[in-house]
Amino acid sequence: MIKLLNIVDEYDRRWLASRSARSIDALGVIATLDGLVAENGAPVYLRVDHGPEFIAGLLADWCAEMGVELLYTEPGSPWQNGVIEALNGRVRDEYLNGELFLDVTQAQAILDHARADYNVHRRHSSLGYLTPAEFRELDTIEQRQVLAGAAKYKGWAAPQLRAA
């Protein structure tokens, strides 16, 4: 059995990281997050479920040290973390279910390829049918216009975004 840790930026829908291993504990989560913080800076918040790797005191300590708010979804409420749940479903359906892995390294190679494809080629309706890479190239005002237009098109309330 292979366990996956996928991390997505809720704002621009980038699939930031994917880690495959036989098991992933809090130290593995923290190591992955440390790499992301080195590349992107610390996030404002981290939304997680109640998996044992996320409820460990080590992760809470890391978040406190980094100034990151730790948000837990309610047990049995995957819709509270819909962005990652949607990604996990796509990963299973499109990349993992049709594969037999000889080892974790092979699974990781497939995930790395999928992540690159997802970020550069997959268009997202929530981003006005731009890819995450295209969305990131826009300035903040253009990004907000795209998000408001996508929300209006879907019949959602425009997202309430903090000033940059």
C-alpha atoms as a PDB file:
ATOM      1  CA  MET A   1       0.000   0.000   0.000  1.00  0.00           C
ATOM      2  CA  ILE A   2       1.148   3.509  -0.823  1.00  0.00           C
ATOM      3  CA  LYS A   3       0.133   6.590   1.115  1.00  0.00           C
ATOM      4  CA  LEU A   4      -0.022  10.005  -0.549  1.00  0.00           C
ATOM      5  CA  LEU A   5       0.352  13.503   0.786  1.00  0.00           C
ATOM      6  CA  ASN A   6      -0.951  16.079  -1.683  1.00  0.00           C
ATOM      7  CA  ILE A   7      -0.783  19.806  -0.999  1.00  0.00           C
ATOM      8  CA  VAL A   8      -2.735  22.391  -3.001  1.00  0.00           C
ATOM      9  CA  ASP A   9      -2.827  26.170  -2.823  1.00  0.00           C
ATOM     10  CA  GLU A  10      -6.526  27.017  -2.484  1.00  0.00           C
ATOM     11  CA  TYR A  11      -6.075  30.457  -4.037  1.00  0.00           C
ATOM     12  CA  ASP A  12      -4.427  29.631  -7.351  1.00  0.00           C
ATOM     13  CA  ARG A  13      -5.151  25.866  -7.415  1.00  0.00           C
ATOM     14  CA  ARG A  14      -1.479  24.965  -7.820  1.00  0.00           C
ATOM     15  CA  TRP A  15      -0.699  21.402  -6.825  1.00  0.00           C
ATOM     16  CA  LEU A  16       2.308  22.337  -4.728  1.00  0.00           C
ATOM     17  CA  ALA A  17       3.577  18.955  -3.614  1.00  0.00           C
ATOM     18  CA  SER A  18       2.909  15.282  -3.732  1.00  0.00           C
ATOM     19  CA  ARG A  19       4.715  12.776  -1.586  1.00  0.00           C
ATOM     20  CA  SER A  20       4.298   9.012  -1.842  1.00  0.00           C
ATOM     21  CA  ALA A  21       5.575   6.615   0.796  1.00  0.00           C
ATOM     22  CA  ARG A  22       4.628   3.430   2.598  1.00  0.00           C
ATOM     23  CA  SER A  23       3.674   5.638   5.536  1.00  0.00           C
ATOM     24  CA  ILE A  24       3.715   9.380   6.193  1.00  0.00           C
ATOM     25  CA  ASP A  25       3.911  10.676   9.725  1.00  0.00           C
ATOM     26  CA  ALA A  26       3.959  14.214  11.126  1.00  0.00           C
ATOM     27  CA  LEU A  27       7.708  14.501  10.522  1.00  0.00           C
ATOM     28  CA  GLY A  28       7.165  13.627   6.851  1.00  0.00           C
ATOM     29  CA  VAL A  29       4.432  16.249   6.564  1.00  0.00           C
ATOM     30  CA  ILE A  30       6.667  18.846   8.231  1.00  0.00           C
ATOM     31  CA  ALA A  31       9.611  18.003   5.951  1.00  0.00           C
ATOM     32  CA  THR A  32       7.377  18.512   2.910  1.00  0.00           C
ATOM     33  CA  LEU A  33       6.000  21.775   4.312  1.00  0.00           C
ATOM     34  CA  ASP A  34       9.505  23.038   5.134  1.00  0.00           C
ATOM     35  CA  GLY A  35      10.470  22.571   1.485  1.00  0.00           C
ATOM     36  CA  LEU A  36       7.387  24.447   0.333  1.00  0.00           C
ATOM     37  CA  VAL A  37       7.997  27.297   2.781  1.00  0.00           C
ATOM     38  CA  ALA A  38      11.563  27.606   1.504  1.00  0.00           C
ATOM     39  CA  GLU A  39      10.201  27.951  -2.072  1.00  0.00           C
ATOM     40  CA  ASN A  40       7.022  29.971  -1.499  1.00  0.00           C
ATOM     41  CA  GLY A  41       7.081  31.430   1.990  1.00  0.00           C
ATOM     42  CA  ALA A  42       4.764  30.377   4.804  1.00  0.00           C
ATOM     43  CA  PRO A  43       1.043  30.169   4.087  1.00  0.00           C
ATOM     44  CA  VAL A  44      -1.525  32.106   6.106  1.00  0.00           C
ATOM     45  CA  TYR A  45      -3.276  28.869   7.028  1.00  0.00           C
ATOM     46  CA  LEU A  46      -3.052  25.125   6.550  1.00  0.00           C
ATOM     47  CA  ARG A  47      -6.329  23.206   6.127  1.00  0.00           C
ATOM     48  CA  VAL A  48      -6.131  19.517   7.065  1.00  0.00           C
ATOM     49  CA  ASP A  49      -8.341  16.606   8.053  1.00  0.00           C
ATOM     50  CA  HIS A  50      -8.037  14.585  11.261  1.00  0.00           C
ATOM     51  CA  GLY A  51      -5.502  12.051  10.007  1.00  0.00           C
ATOM     52  CA  PRO A  52      -2.945  10.996  12.628  1.00  0.00           C
ATOM     53  CA  GLU A  53      -0.153  12.797  10.784  1.00  0.00           C
ATOM     54  CA  PHE A  54      -2.108  16.063  11.058  1.00  0.00           C
ATOM     55  CA  ILE A  55      -3.361  15.923  14.648  1.00  0.00           C
ATOM     56  CA  ALA A  56       0.098  15.249  16.050  1.00  0.00           C
ATOM     57  CA  GLY A  57       1.403  17.940  18.350  1.00  0.00           C
ATOM     58  CA  LEU A  58       4.495  18.258  16.158  1.00  0.00           C
ATOM     59  CA  LEU A  59       2.481  19.756  13.308  1.00  0.00           C
ATOM     60  CA  ALA A  60       0.686  22.164  15.654  1.00  0.00           C
ATOM     61  CA  ASP A  61       4.066  23.221  17.064  1.00  0.00           C
ATOM     62  CA  TRP A  62       5.454  23.734  13.540  1.00  0.00           C
ATOM     63  CA  CYS A  63       2.439  25.863  12.601  1.00  0.00           C
ATOM     64  CA  ALA A  64       2.795  27.981  15.746  1.00  0.00           C
ATOM     65  CA  GLU A  65       6.510  28.478  15.073  1.00  0.00           C
ATOM     66  CA  MET A  66       5.846  29.485  11.450  1.00  0.00           C
ATOM     67  CA  GLY A  67       2.871  31.715  12.293  1.00  0.00           C
ATOM     68  CA  VAL A  68       0.503  29.508  10.280  1.00  0.00           C
ATOM     69  CA  GLU A  69      -3.096  29.032  11.389  1.00  0.00           C
ATOM     70  CA  LEU A  70      -3.989  25.343  11.539  1.00  0.00           C
ATOM     71  CA  LEU A  71      -7.561  24.697  10.373  1.00  0.00           C
ATOM     72  CA  TYR A  72      -9.155  21.279  10.801  1.00  0.00           C
ATOM     73  CA  THR A  73     -12.113  20.105   8.754  1.00  0.00           C
ATOM     74  CA  GLU A  74     -14.935  18.548  10.724  1.00  0.00           C
ATOM     75  CA  PRO A  75     -14.721  14.746  10.787  1.00  0.00           C
ATOM     76  CA  GLY A  76     -16.809  13.265   7.979  1.00  0.00           C
ATOM     77  CA  SER A  77     -17.041  16.629   6.173  1.00  0.00           C
ATOM     78  CA  PRO A  78     -14.778  16.354   3.109  1.00  0.00           C
ATOM     79  CA  TRP A  79     -16.637  19.224   1.399  1.00  0.00           C
ATOM     80  CA  GLN A  80     -14.928  21.579   3.858  1.00  0.00           C
ATOM     81  CA  ASN A  81     -11.689  20.817   2.025  1.00  0.00           C
ATOM     82  CA  GLY A  82     -13.147  20.457  -1.460  1.00  0.00           C
ATOM     83  CA  VAL A  83     -10.109  21.650  -3.407  1.00  0.00           C
ATOM     84  CA  ILE A  84      -7.854  18.849  -2.154  1.00  0.00           C
ATOM     85  CA  GLU A  85     -10.657  16.279  -2.182  1.00  0.00           C
ATOM     86  CA  ALA A  86     -11.291  17.043  -5.868  1.00  0.00           C
ATOM     87  CA  LEU A  87      -7.588  16.738  -6.623  1.00  0.00           C
ATOM     88  CA  ASN A  88      -7.293  13.450  -4.732  1.00  0.00           C
ATOM     89  CA  GLY A  89     -10.212  12.042  -6.714  1.00  0.00           C
ATOM     90  CA  ARG A  90      -8.631  13.086 -10.019  1.00  0.00           C
ATOM     91  CA  VAL A  91      -5.270  11.653  -9.016  1.00  0.00           C
ATOM     92  CA  ARG A  92      -6.871   8.312  -8.176  1.00  0.00           C
ATOM     93  CA  ASP A  93      -9.056   8.201 -11.292  1.00  0.00           C
ATOM     94  CA  GLU A  94      -6.651   9.579 -13.870  1.00  0.00           C
ATOM     95  CA  TYR A  95      -3.215   8.511 -12.692  1.00  0.00           C
ATOM     96  CA  LEU A  96      -3.250   5.806 -10.037  1.00  0.00           C
ATOM     97  CA  ASN A  97      -6.133   3.407 -10.657  1.00  0.00           C
ATOM     98  CA  GLY A  98      -4.748   2.285 -14.016  1.00  0.00           C
ATOM     99  CA  GLU A  99      -1.211   1.661 -12.796  1.00  0.00           C
ATOM    100  CA  LEU A 100       0.638  -1.140 -11.072  1.00  0.00           C
ATOM    101  CA  PHE A 101       3.577   0.234  -9.148  1.00  0.00           C
ATOM    102  CA  LEU A 102       6.715  -1.767  -8.583  1.00  0.00           C
ATOM    103  CA  ASP A 103       7.759   0.565  -5.800  1.00  0.00           C
ATOM    104  CA  VAL A 104       7.163   3.964  -4.201  1.00  0.00           C
ATOM    105  CA  THR A 105       9.750   5.603  -6.463  1.00  0.00           C
ATOM    106  CA  GLN A 106       7.737   4.675  -9.553  1.00  0.00           C
ATOM    107  CA  ALA A 107       4.553   6.059  -7.986  1.00  0.00           C
ATOM    108  CA  GLN A 108       6.380   9.286  -7.123  1.00  0.00           C
ATOM    109  CA  ALA A 109       7.629   9.663 -10.706  1.00  0.00           C
ATOM    110  CA  ILE A 110       4.072   9.333 -12.041  1.00  0.00           C
ATOM    111  CA  LEU A 111       2.805  11.842  -9.472  1.00  0.00           C
ATOM    112  CA  ASP A 112       5.559  14.338 -10.316  1.00  0.00           C
ATOM    113  CA  HIS A 113       4.637  14.131 -14.001  1.00  0.00           C
ATOM    114  CA  ALA A 114       0.928  14.479 -13.169  1.00  0.00           C
ATOM    115  CA  ARG A 115       1.610  17.492 -10.954  1.00  0.00           C
ATOM    116  CA  ALA A 116       3.524  19.291 -13.701  1.00  0.00           C
ATOM    117  CA  ASP A 117       0.740  18.547 -16.195  1.00  0.00           C
ATOM    118  CA  TYR A 118      -1.942  19.674 -13.734  1.00  0.00           C
ATOM    119  CA  ASN A 119      -0.252  23.001 -13.017  1.00  0.00           C
ATOM    120  CA  VAL A 120       0.648  23.879 -16.616  1.00  0.00           C
ATOM    121  CA  HIS A 121      -2.054  22.312 -18.815  1.00  0.00           C
ATOM    122  CA  ARG A 122      -5.243  21.699 -16.796  1.00  0.00           C
ATOM    123  CA  ARG A 123      -7.696  24.563 -17.001  1.00  0.00           C
ATOM    124  CA  HIS A 124      -9.835  25.313 -13.944  1.00  0.00           C
ATOM    125  CA  SER A 125     -13.319  26.768 -14.141  1.00  0.00           C
ATOM    126  CA  SER A 126     -12.707  28.433 -10.763  1.00  0.00           C
ATOM    127  CA  LEU A 127      -9.788  30.302 -12.381  1.00  0.00           C
ATOM    128  CA  GLY A 128     -11.809  31.483 -15.392  1.00  0.00           C
ATOM    129  CA  TYR A 129     -10.594  28.465 -17.376  1.00  0.00           C
ATOM    130  CA  LEU A 130      -6.968  29.427 -16.954  1.00  0.00           C
ATOM    131  CA  THR A 131      -4.307  27.009 -15.819  1.00  0.00           C
ATOM    132  CA  PRO A 132      -2.699  27.654 -12.431  1.00  0.00           C
ATOM    133  CA  ALA A 133       0.462  28.744 -14.280  1.00  0.00           C
ATOM    134  CA  GLU A 134      -1.472  31.236 -16.429  1.00  0.00           C
ATOM    135  CA  PHE A 135      -3.351  32.553 -13.403  1.00  0.00           C
ATOM    136  CA  ARG A 136      -0.090  33.181 -11.517  1.00  0.00           C
ATOM    137  CA  GLU A 137       1.208  35.307 -14.401  1.00  0.00           C
ATOM    138  CA  LEU A 138      -1.603  37.817 -13.861  1.00  0.00           C
ATOM    139  CA  ASP A 139      -1.213  40.744 -11.500  1.00  0.00           C
ATOM    140  CA  THR A 140      -3.332  40.842  -8.344  1.00  0.00           C
ATOM    141  CA  ILE A 141      -6.063  43.052  -9.823  1.00  0.00           C
ATOM    142  CA  GLU A 142      -6.415  40.776 -12.865  1.00  0.00           C
ATOM    143  CA  GLN A 143      -6.507  37.705 -10.606  1.00  0.00           C
ATOM    144  CA  ARG A 144      -9.331  39.203  -8.571  1.00  0.00           C
ATOM    145  CA  GLN A 145     -11.256  40.039 -11.725  1.00  0.00           C
ATOM    146  CA  VAL A 146     -10.861  36.464 -12.964  1.00  0.00           C
ATOM    147  CA  LEU A 147     -12.003  35.032  -9.626  1.00  0.00           C
ATOM    148  CA  ALA A 148     -15.007  37.349  -9.447  1.00  0.00           C
ATOM    149  CA  GLY A 149     -15.968  36.510 -13.040  1.00  0.00           C
ATOM    150  CA  ALA A 150     -15.633  32.766 -12.439  1.00  0.00           C
ATOM    151  CA  ALA A 151     -17.724  33.029  -9.266  1.00  0.00           C
ATOM    152  CA  LYS A 152     -20.428  35.026 -11.073  1.00  0.00           C
ATOM    153  CA  TYR A 153     -20.465  32.529 -13.965  1.00  0.00           C
ATOM    154  CA  LYS A 154     -20.984  29.654 -11.521  1.00  0.00           C
ATOM    155  CA  GLY A 155     -23.646  31.576  -9.605  1.00  0.00           C
ATOM    156  CA  TRP A 156     -21.482  31.877  -6.501  1.00  0.00           C
ATOM    157  CA  ALA A 157     -20.989  34.943  -4.396  1.00  0.00           C
ATOM    158  CA  ALA A 158     -17.799  36.722  -5.375  1.00  0.00           C
ATOM    159  CA  PRO A 159     -14.949  35.626  -3.118  1.00  0.00           C
ATOM    160  CA  GLN A 160     -14.101  37.966  -0.306  1.00  0.00           C
ATOM    161  CA  LEU A 161     -10.380  38.544  -0.681  1.00  0.00           C
ATOM    162  CA  ARG A 162      -8.105  40.436   1.639  1.00  0.00           C
ATOM    163  CA  ALA A 163      -6.254  43.442   0.315  1.00  0.00           C
ATOM    164  CA  ALA A 164      -2.808  42.602  -1.021  1.00  0.00           C
END
